Structures are given as C-alpha cells and as structure tokens.
Amino acid sequence: MTVTQAQLRRYAVGRTLFRSTTLPRAIEKLGFVQADPIRQPARAQDLILRHRVSGYRAGELERRYARLPIEEDAFINYGYLPRATAALMHPREARRQWDEATSAKAEAVLEFVRDRGTVHPREVEDHFQHGRVMNWFGGSSNATTQLLDGLHYRGMLRVVSRASGTRTYALADRPVSPLDPDEALAQLLDVAIRLYAPVPRRTLRQLGSLLGYGAPQWRDRRLEGLLLAEERHASATVDGVQWFWPADEDPTARWAPKPLVRLLAPFDPLVWDRYRFELFWGWEYKFEAYTPAPQRIRGYYSLPLLWRDKVVGWANLAVRGGELVADIGYADGTPLDAAYSSALEVELDAMRQFLGLDA
C-alpha cells in the first residue's frame, strides 16, 4: 500500500478521536485509559474521556467505576481497561518476590479483607500498624499501602471504588483466561496497537517492553510476540519509517479534518507517543510536571492544542475564583484561519462545562 505521512496523520486523528458515545463503549473502543493523579484542571483519565463520551463531566469515571465492567490495573502503564483484557494478564507473577516475613503480613491482610469484604487502607493500617518502609527510590512509604498495592498487582485484590481519590479494595474474583500465554500476549499487543495506531516500528518495540509492567511473567516471549504482531498487522514504510496499523483499517480512506480545537491530556492516545508526535507535527512536546520549574518550556501541565488535524500549540489551564484561566502558547504562531478563534472559545466553553463551572 502506498501511503503518505499526511494521510497517516489524518488517519491517527480521525480514528483516535472517534464520535462520542457512552462511557462503557468508549472504554471498550479505546481498550485502555491511562490514569494520572495530577488534577490540572482535571485528572488525565477524565481529560481523555471528555472528547469521547457524550456529556462527560470531570470525575464521572470514578463515580461510576463500581458499576462498570472495568478494572483499575497495570497494562503498559496504570489505568482502566475492560475486565476481559485485565484477565489476560493474570495470574501475574511479580518480578520481585516477597520474603517470608512480607508474605506472612500479606496473608494476614488478605484474611482481614476476607472478613471485612471491602476495606479502606486506613482500616488496614489502624488494625495492623505496619509502620513505614523504604520504597524503591530510597524514600519512606506506608508499609500497609505497599502491601495493598502488591496484593492488587499480584491479582489477589481488586479496586472496587475510590473514596476521595483513595482506592478501596476487596478480594479479587478474576476469571482465569483459557488462552495460552502466546495467544494472551498477542491479544494484549493487539489492544496496544489499536489504541495507538498508526504505530512506528520503534514505538511498537517500546510497547512490547512496557507490556512487561502488565505481564512480566511473559517477558521471555516478548520478542517473538512482537515479530508475530508485525506479521499480523498491515504496514508501510514512509520516509524510512515503518508503520503498523490494524489489518482491517485503511489509512488512505478519505477523512476531512473538522474545524475544531481540542485540548488533549498529556497522555491522550493521539499524543502519547512523543516520537510519533514529532514525526507528525514537527516540534517536541514534553510532560514537564516533574521537571524543575526553571527548566520548564511549555509549563507544569501543558495540554496539547489540536486544531483540525494538527497540534499547533499547548495550553496551561487553571481555575481561579471559579473562573477558567487559559495560558496558551504556539509552536509556530497563532493559526491564521479565521475560524480558529471561535473554535478555541467553543473548546474553552466545553472545558468549563466539563469542570462544572457553567453552574
């Protein structure tokens, strides 16, 4: 197939920002929604879903989570995904095994959860008084939180809800996937490719490596799985870069860019791959929340600004005194299209409604 980079770019925008639908259908269609705890002006998972769910408001995913057929779990990053997809990664084998003392504490916590049904981490800490331990980066963490995180990661607990942002847990009743590891790995790679297509070969290899977070027990099968994924998906080489996409999709199909402005989450599927970002739009975008303030270029939590089918700049948003404040920057000057300014105001109004400021 002969395809141009401009076609690939329009294809990426058109397929990723699909027509808005219900919350369950949007999560199913995406396959995975990356989560992040920073709220500026809303959490990443909400910023991702607002473009894809009709009438979506900030915090809706957390409010409805317990009633949805989804799981909070590790995948290529931490986030939300359909239960059937989460089941493909379990039983998960953690890379670092617990010592005998930690295993005994974990068993005691499991028994406590079994008796209580659903627990808040504070209840567990009040009961056991585990104290604090050193975490992986040399700091100090709550030992109970680490145990609960470890039990959740190993598939023994599941998140059942959040209380003011804090996860509450219950025993996991995960269905055992009937698939062998190679087929499960193939399906997981398919989810990742469908989420981020079209995928440069370099990014596909990165996705295979990141999948070691969700399914570390299959890391020895990763290279073979990637080679099979390359055979299974359609591909083309453009300007020396090999691209992959689902075999049932056509990136050359006609798609007219809509005259819309969209402010995207830093982890939105359209901009998640920073390598592809530069190939498509010709400038570098970085997530700078953890960069020292004097070294930031775009801002603490800059949101990529999409106009039609091009990311032309970024915006830092804040709510002050009940009003939305937007600080906008451009990679190569303000768009000259006469429709741009009104489209930007429409998007800012949509952001106010999403945040509940319209009330």
Foldseek 3Di string as FASTA:
>chain_A
DDDALQLQLLLLVDQQLDAADAPQVQQAQLQWAAWDDDPQVATQSQLQNLSHHPLAAGPPCQVCVLVHQWFQAAFLHTGIGGLVLLLLQPLADDPDDDDPVLVVVLVVVQVVLVVVFKFFLVVVCVVPVPDWDADPVGHIDGPSVVSVVVCVHSQQWTFNHDDVNGTMIHGGPRDHDPDDNLVSLLVSLQSVQSNQPFDWLVVSLVSLVSRCSRHVVCNVCSVVSSVVNVVQFDWDAYPNIITTHHNVDDSNPDDWFDQAKRFHFCCHSSCNPQVVLCVNAPDGDDQCLVPPPVPDDQDNGWTFIDGRSYRFWTWRWDADPLDIDIDIDGPPDDDPPPSNVVNVVVNVVSVCSNHVSVD
